[in-house]
PDB file of N, CA and C in Angstrom:
ATOM      1  N   MET A   1      13.244  -1.147  21.302  1.00  0.00           N
ATOM      2  CA  MET A   1      13.905  -0.128  22.125  1.00  0.00           C
ATOM      3  C   MET A   1      14.747  -0.755  22.868  1.00  0.00           C
ATOM      4  N   ASP A   2      15.939  -0.335  23.077  1.00  0.00           N
ATOM      5  CA  ASP A   2      17.063  -0.886  23.788  1.00  0.00           C
ATOM      6  C   ASP A   2      16.838  -0.433  25.418  1.00  0.00           C
ATOM      7  N   ASN A   3      16.303  -1.167  26.361  1.00  0.00           N
ATOM      8  CA  ASN A   3      15.948  -0.425  27.794  1.00  0.00           C
ATOM      9  C   ASN A   3      17.303  -0.131  28.532  1.00  0.00           C
ATOM     10  N   PHE A   4      18.513  -0.274  28.198  1.00  0.00           N
ATOM     11  CA  PHE A   4      19.603   0.731  28.777  1.00  0.00           C
ATOM     12  C   PHE A   4      20.091   1.815  28.239  1.00  0.00           C
ATOM     13  N   SER A   5      20.060   1.835  26.798  1.00  0.00           N
ATOM     14  CA  SER A   5      20.310   3.163  26.434  1.00  0.00           C
ATOM     15  C   SER A   5      19.253   4.039  25.533  1.00  0.00           C
ATOM     16  N   ARG A   6      17.906   3.275  25.620  1.00  0.00           N
ATOM     17  CA  ARG A   6      16.761   3.911  25.110  1.00  0.00           C
ATOM     18  C   ARG A   6      17.042   4.135  23.683  1.00  0.00           C
ATOM     19  N   GLU A   7      17.875   3.566  23.221  1.00  0.00           N
ATOM     20  CA  GLU A   7      17.815   3.637  21.448  1.00  0.00           C
ATOM     21  C   GLU A   7      16.709   2.886  20.879  1.00  0.00           C
ATOM     22  N   CYS A   8      16.096   3.228  19.941  1.00  0.00           N
ATOM     23  CA  CYS A   8      15.102   2.574  18.957  1.00  0.00           C
ATOM     24  C   CYS A   8      15.881   2.262  17.999  1.00  0.00           C
ATOM     25  N   LEU A   9      16.037   0.897  17.601  1.00  0.00           N
ATOM     26  CA  LEU A   9      16.448   0.743  16.319  1.00  0.00           C
ATOM     27  C   LEU A   9      15.681   0.900  15.280  1.00  0.00           C
ATOM     28  N   ALA A  10      14.510   0.463  15.271  1.00  0.00           N
ATOM     29  CA  ALA A  10      13.272   0.522  14.075  1.00  0.00           C
ATOM     30  C   ALA A  10      12.098   0.881  14.810  1.00  0.00           C
ATOM     31  N   ILE A  11      11.405   1.721  14.085  1.00  0.00           N
ATOM     32  CA  ILE A  11       9.875   1.534  14.183  1.00  0.00           C
ATOM     33  C   ILE A  11       9.115   1.209  13.106  1.00  0.00           C
ATOM     34  N   TYR A  12       8.187   0.289  13.283  1.00  0.00           N
ATOM     35  CA  TYR A  12       7.330  -0.153  12.170  1.00  0.00           C
ATOM     36  C   TYR A  12       6.108  -0.431  12.969  1.00  0.00           C
ATOM     37  N   THR A  13       5.092   0.513  12.528  1.00  0.00           N
ATOM     38  CA  THR A  13       3.796   0.490  12.866  1.00  0.00           C
ATOM     39  C   THR A  13       2.816  -0.009  11.604  1.00  0.00           C
ATOM     40  N   GLY A  14       1.720  -0.714  12.310  1.00  0.00           N
ATOM     41  CA  GLY A  14       0.683  -1.241  11.491  1.00  0.00           C
ATOM     42  C   GLY A  14      -0.327  -2.201  12.476  1.00  0.00           C
ATOM     43  N   LYS A  15      -1.252  -2.503  11.841  1.00  0.00           N
ATOM     44  CA  LYS A  15      -2.302  -3.354  12.149  1.00  0.00           C
ATOM     45  C   LYS A  15      -2.059  -4.902  12.152  1.00  0.00           C
ATOM     46  N   SER A  16      -2.023  -5.859  12.942  1.00  0.00           N
ATOM     47  CA  SER A  16      -1.742  -7.066  12.911  1.00  0.00           C
ATOM     48  C   SER A  16      -0.340  -7.187  12.264  1.00  0.00           C
ATOM     49  N   GLN A  17       0.768  -7.421  12.978  1.00  0.00           N
ATOM     50  CA  GLN A  17       1.826  -7.696  12.525  1.00  0.00           C
ATOM     51  C   GLN A  17       2.148  -9.055  12.087  1.00  0.00           C
ATOM     52  N   LYS A  18       2.692  -9.341  10.936  1.00  0.00           N
ATOM     53  CA  LYS A  18       2.972 -10.482  10.111  1.00  0.00           C
ATOM     54  C   LYS A  18       4.523 -10.940  10.688  1.00  0.00           C
ATOM     55  N   ALA A  19       4.811 -12.066  10.701  1.00  0.00           N
ATOM     56  CA  ALA A  19       6.057 -12.642  10.771  1.00  0.00           C
ATOM     57  C   ALA A  19       7.069 -11.864   9.531  1.00  0.00           C
ATOM     58  N   GLU A  20       6.783 -11.949   8.351  1.00  0.00           N
ATOM     59  CA  GLU A  20       7.428 -11.488   7.275  1.00  0.00           C
ATOM     60  C   GLU A  20       7.469  -9.683   7.484  1.00  0.00           C
ATOM     61  N   ASN A  21       6.794  -9.133   7.947  1.00  0.00           N
ATOM     62  CA  ASN A  21       7.165  -7.823   8.245  1.00  0.00           C
ATOM     63  C   ASN A  21       8.472  -7.598   9.456  1.00  0.00           C
ATOM     64  N   VAL A  22       8.249  -8.409  10.405  1.00  0.00           N
ATOM     65  CA  VAL A  22       9.309  -8.424  11.304  1.00  0.00           C
ATOM     66  C   VAL A  22      10.751  -8.828  10.715  1.00  0.00           C
ATOM     67  N   VAL A  23      10.235  -9.476   9.756  1.00  0.00           N
ATOM     68  CA  VAL A  23      11.833 -10.136   9.015  1.00  0.00           C
ATOM     69  C   VAL A  23      12.330  -9.056   8.052  1.00  0.00           C
ATOM     70  N   SER A  24      11.416  -8.285   7.455  1.00  0.00           N
ATOM     71  CA  SER A  24      11.746  -7.281   6.561  1.00  0.00           C
ATOM     72  C   SER A  24      12.484  -5.932   7.494  1.00  0.00           C
ATOM     73  N   VAL A  25      12.040  -5.944   8.607  1.00  0.00           N
ATOM     74  CA  VAL A  25      12.538  -4.692   9.481  1.00  0.00           C
ATOM     75  C   VAL A  25      13.847  -5.183   9.707  1.00  0.00           C
ATOM     76  N   MET A  26      14.019  -6.397   9.990  1.00  0.00           N
ATOM     77  CA  MET A  26      15.338  -7.161  10.791  1.00  0.00           C
ATOM     78  C   MET A  26      16.361  -6.876   9.617  1.00  0.00           C
ATOM     79  N   GLU A  27      16.155  -7.617   8.335  1.00  0.00           N
ATOM     80  CA  GLU A  27      16.850  -7.504   7.118  1.00  0.00           C
ATOM     81  C   GLU A  27      17.413  -6.151   6.706  1.00  0.00           C
ATOM     82  N   ALA A  28      16.434  -5.098   7.021  1.00  0.00           N
ATOM     83  CA  ALA A  28      16.539  -3.880   6.549  1.00  0.00           C
ATOM     84  C   ALA A  28      17.949  -3.189   7.250  1.00  0.00           C
ATOM     85  N   LEU A  29      17.777  -3.515   8.654  1.00  0.00           N
ATOM     86  CA  LEU A  29      18.564  -2.935   9.692  1.00  0.00           C
ATOM     87  C   LEU A  29      19.863  -3.831   9.560  1.00  0.00           C
ATOM     88  N   ARG A  30      20.078  -5.141   8.801  1.00  0.00           N
ATOM     89  CA  ARG A  30      21.119  -5.946   8.838  1.00  0.00           C
ATOM     90  C   ARG A  30      21.889  -5.595   7.702  1.00  0.00           C
ATOM     91  N   VAL A  31      21.153  -5.002   6.402  1.00  0.00           N
ATOM     92  CA  VAL A  31      21.774  -4.637   5.551  1.00  0.00           C
ATOM     93  C   VAL A  31      22.130  -3.131   5.489  1.00  0.00           C
ATOM     94  N   ARG A  32      21.620  -2.506   6.251  1.00  0.00           N
ATOM     95  CA  ARG A  32      22.162  -1.245   6.399  1.00  0.00           C
ATOM     96  C   ARG A  32      23.486  -1.015   7.641  1.00  0.00           C
ATOM     97  N   GLY A  33      23.892  -2.248   7.951  1.00  0.00           N
ATOM     98  CA  GLY A  33      24.877  -2.243   8.811  1.00  0.00           C
ATOM     99  C   GLY A  33      24.581  -1.619  10.026  1.00  0.00           C
ATOM    100  N   LYS A  34      23.488  -1.577  10.651  1.00  0.00           N
ATOM    101  CA  LYS A  34      23.011  -1.180  11.848  1.00  0.00           C
ATOM    102  C   LYS A  34      22.967  -2.562  12.883  1.00  0.00           C
ATOM    103  N   ARG A  35      22.969  -2.041  14.113  1.00  0.00           N
ATOM    104  CA  ARG A  35      23.023  -3.231  15.235  1.00  0.00           C
ATOM    105  C   ARG A  35      21.604  -3.906  15.065  1.00  0.00           C
ATOM    106  N   LEU A  36      21.582  -5.256  15.455  1.00  0.00           N
ATOM    107  CA  LEU A  36      20.569  -5.973  15.506  1.00  0.00           C
ATOM    108  C   LEU A  36      20.532  -6.473  16.865  1.00  0.00           C
ATOM    109  N   PRO A  37      19.209  -6.689  17.431  1.00  0.00           N
ATOM    110  CA  PRO A  37      19.032  -6.750  18.799  1.00  0.00           C
ATOM    111  C   PRO A  37      19.556  -8.197  19.012  1.00  0.00           C
ATOM    112  N   ALA A  38      19.992  -8.452  20.118  1.00  0.00           N
ATOM    113  CA  ALA A  38      20.353  -9.644  20.940  1.00  0.00           C
ATOM    114  C   ALA A  38      19.371 -10.290  21.109  1.00  0.00           C
ATOM    115  N   ARG A  39      18.162 -10.058  21.438  1.00  0.00           N
ATOM    116  CA  ARG A  39      16.996 -10.773  21.819  1.00  0.00           C
ATOM    117  C   ARG A  39      15.743 -10.000  21.538  1.00  0.00           C
ATOM    118  N   ILE A  40      14.782 -10.473  21.108  1.00  0.00           N
ATOM    119  CA  ILE A  40      13.389  -9.952  21.081  1.00  0.00           C
ATOM    120  C   ILE A  40      12.572 -10.363  22.020  1.00  0.00           C
ATOM    121  N   GLN A  41      11.727  -9.550  22.781  1.00  0.00           N
ATOM    122  CA  GLN A  41      10.749  -9.861  23.497  1.00  0.00           C
ATOM    123  C   GLN A  41       9.479  -9.940  23.145  1.00  0.00           C
ATOM    124  N   SER A  42       8.568 -10.784  23.262  1.00  0.00           N
ATOM    125  CA  SER A  42       7.400 -10.888  22.560  1.00  0.00           C
ATOM    126  C   SER A  42       6.524 -11.564  23.625  1.00  0.00           C
ATOM    127  N   ASN A  43       5.230 -11.226  23.023  1.00  0.00           N
ATOM    128  CA  ASN A  43       3.806 -11.657  23.949  1.00  0.00           C
ATOM    129  C   ASN A  43       3.337 -13.122  23.309  1.00  0.00           C
ATOM    130  N   ASN A  44       4.025 -13.848  22.444  1.00  0.00           N
ATOM    131  CA  ASN A  44       3.968 -15.048  21.744  1.00  0.00           C
ATOM    132  C   ASN A  44       2.986 -14.836  20.826  1.00  0.00           C
ATOM    133  N   GLY A  45       2.819 -13.573  20.471  1.00  0.00           N
ATOM    134  CA  GLY A  45       1.626 -13.348  18.902  1.00  0.00           C
ATOM    135  C   GLY A  45       2.207 -14.045  17.888  1.00  0.00           C
ATOM    136  N   SER A  46       1.249 -13.964  17.037  1.00  0.00           N
ATOM    137  CA  SER A  46       1.337 -14.843  15.825  1.00  0.00           C
ATOM    138  C   SER A  46       2.392 -14.684  14.886  1.00  0.00           C
ATOM    139  N   GLU A  47       3.081 -13.396  15.027  1.00  0.00           N
ATOM    140  CA  GLU A  47       4.129 -12.977  14.285  1.00  0.00           C
ATOM    141  C   GLU A  47       5.547 -13.652  14.846  1.00  0.00           C
ATOM    142  N   PHE A  48       5.304 -14.322  16.231  1.00  0.00           N
ATOM    143  CA  PHE A  48       6.451 -15.014  16.707  1.00  0.00           C
ATOM    144  C   PHE A  48       6.324 -16.303  16.753  1.00  0.00           C
ATOM    145  N   ILE A  49       5.613 -16.987  16.082  1.00  0.00           N
ATOM    146  CA  ILE A  49       5.216 -18.350  16.034  1.00  0.00           C
ATOM    147  C   ILE A  49       5.382 -19.054  14.883  1.00  0.00           C
ATOM    148  N   SER A  50       6.117 -17.789  13.886  1.00  0.00           N
ATOM    149  CA  SER A  50       6.130 -18.173  12.417  1.00  0.00           C
ATOM    150  C   SER A  50       7.176 -19.084  12.131  1.00  0.00           C
ATOM    151  N   LYS A  51       7.465 -19.600  11.448  1.00  0.00           N
ATOM    152  CA  LYS A  51       8.613 -20.298  10.834  1.00  0.00           C
ATOM    153  C   LYS A  51       9.246 -19.383  10.019  1.00  0.00           C
ATOM    154  N   SER A  52       8.847 -18.429   9.359  1.00  0.00           N
ATOM    155  CA  SER A  52       9.726 -17.317   8.788  1.00  0.00           C
ATOM    156  C   SER A  52      10.585 -16.626   9.417  1.00  0.00           C
ATOM    157  N   LEU A  53      10.104 -16.142  10.657  1.00  0.00           N
ATOM    158  CA  LEU A  53      11.110 -15.424  11.756  1.00  0.00           C
ATOM    159  C   LEU A  53      11.994 -16.541  12.209  1.00  0.00           C
ATOM    160  N   ASP A  54      11.739 -17.300  12.627  1.00  0.00           N
ATOM    161  CA  ASP A  54      12.433 -18.567  13.126  1.00  0.00           C
ATOM    162  C   ASP A  54      13.791 -18.929  12.155  1.00  0.00           C
ATOM    163  N   LYS A  55      13.459 -19.230  10.850  1.00  0.00           N
ATOM    164  CA  LYS A  55      14.397 -19.354  10.037  1.00  0.00           C
ATOM    165  C   LYS A  55      15.545 -18.093   9.781  1.00  0.00           C
ATOM    166  N   TRP A  56      14.883 -16.882   9.706  1.00  0.00           N
ATOM    167  CA  TRP A  56      15.616 -15.859   9.753  1.00  0.00           C
ATOM    168  C   TRP A  56      16.655 -15.728  10.773  1.00  0.00           C
ATOM    169  N   VAL A  57      16.174 -15.636  11.995  1.00  0.00           N
ATOM    170  CA  VAL A  57      16.964 -15.774  13.283  1.00  0.00           C
ATOM    171  C   VAL A  57      18.033 -16.848  13.078  1.00  0.00           C
ATOM    172  N   TYR A  58      17.711 -18.057  12.782  1.00  0.00           N
ATOM    173  CA  TYR A  58      18.466 -19.077  12.808  1.00  0.00           C
ATOM    174  C   TYR A  58      19.660 -18.674  11.614  1.00  0.00           C
ATOM    175  N   GLU A  59      19.316 -18.356  10.635  1.00  0.00           N
ATOM    176  CA  GLU A  59      20.392 -17.890   9.407  1.00  0.00           C
ATOM    177  C   GLU A  59      21.446 -16.977   9.735  1.00  0.00           C
ATOM    178  N   HIS A  60      20.877 -15.610  10.801  1.00  0.00           N
ATOM    179  CA  HIS A  60      21.679 -14.847  11.254  1.00  0.00           C
ATOM    180  C   HIS A  60      22.033 -14.833  12.567  1.00  0.00           C
ATOM    181  N   GLY A  61      21.857 -15.534  13.268  1.00  0.00           N
ATOM    182  CA  GLY A  61      22.624 -15.905  14.727  1.00  0.00           C
ATOM    183  C   GLY A  61      22.025 -14.961  15.462  1.00  0.00           C
TER     184      GLY A  61
END
């Protein structure tokens, strides 16, 4: 959710999100030519301490 425009770039619901799920949503946005978030705010849950998300972010700026 963009706090300024209130635009929601993607909605993905589920129990116990994994980094691979976050990466797949981000990749889907990128492939469709949609805007990617400039930053992701997290509560340091397990999905954000994974190397797969860190790798994807590094590769795609």
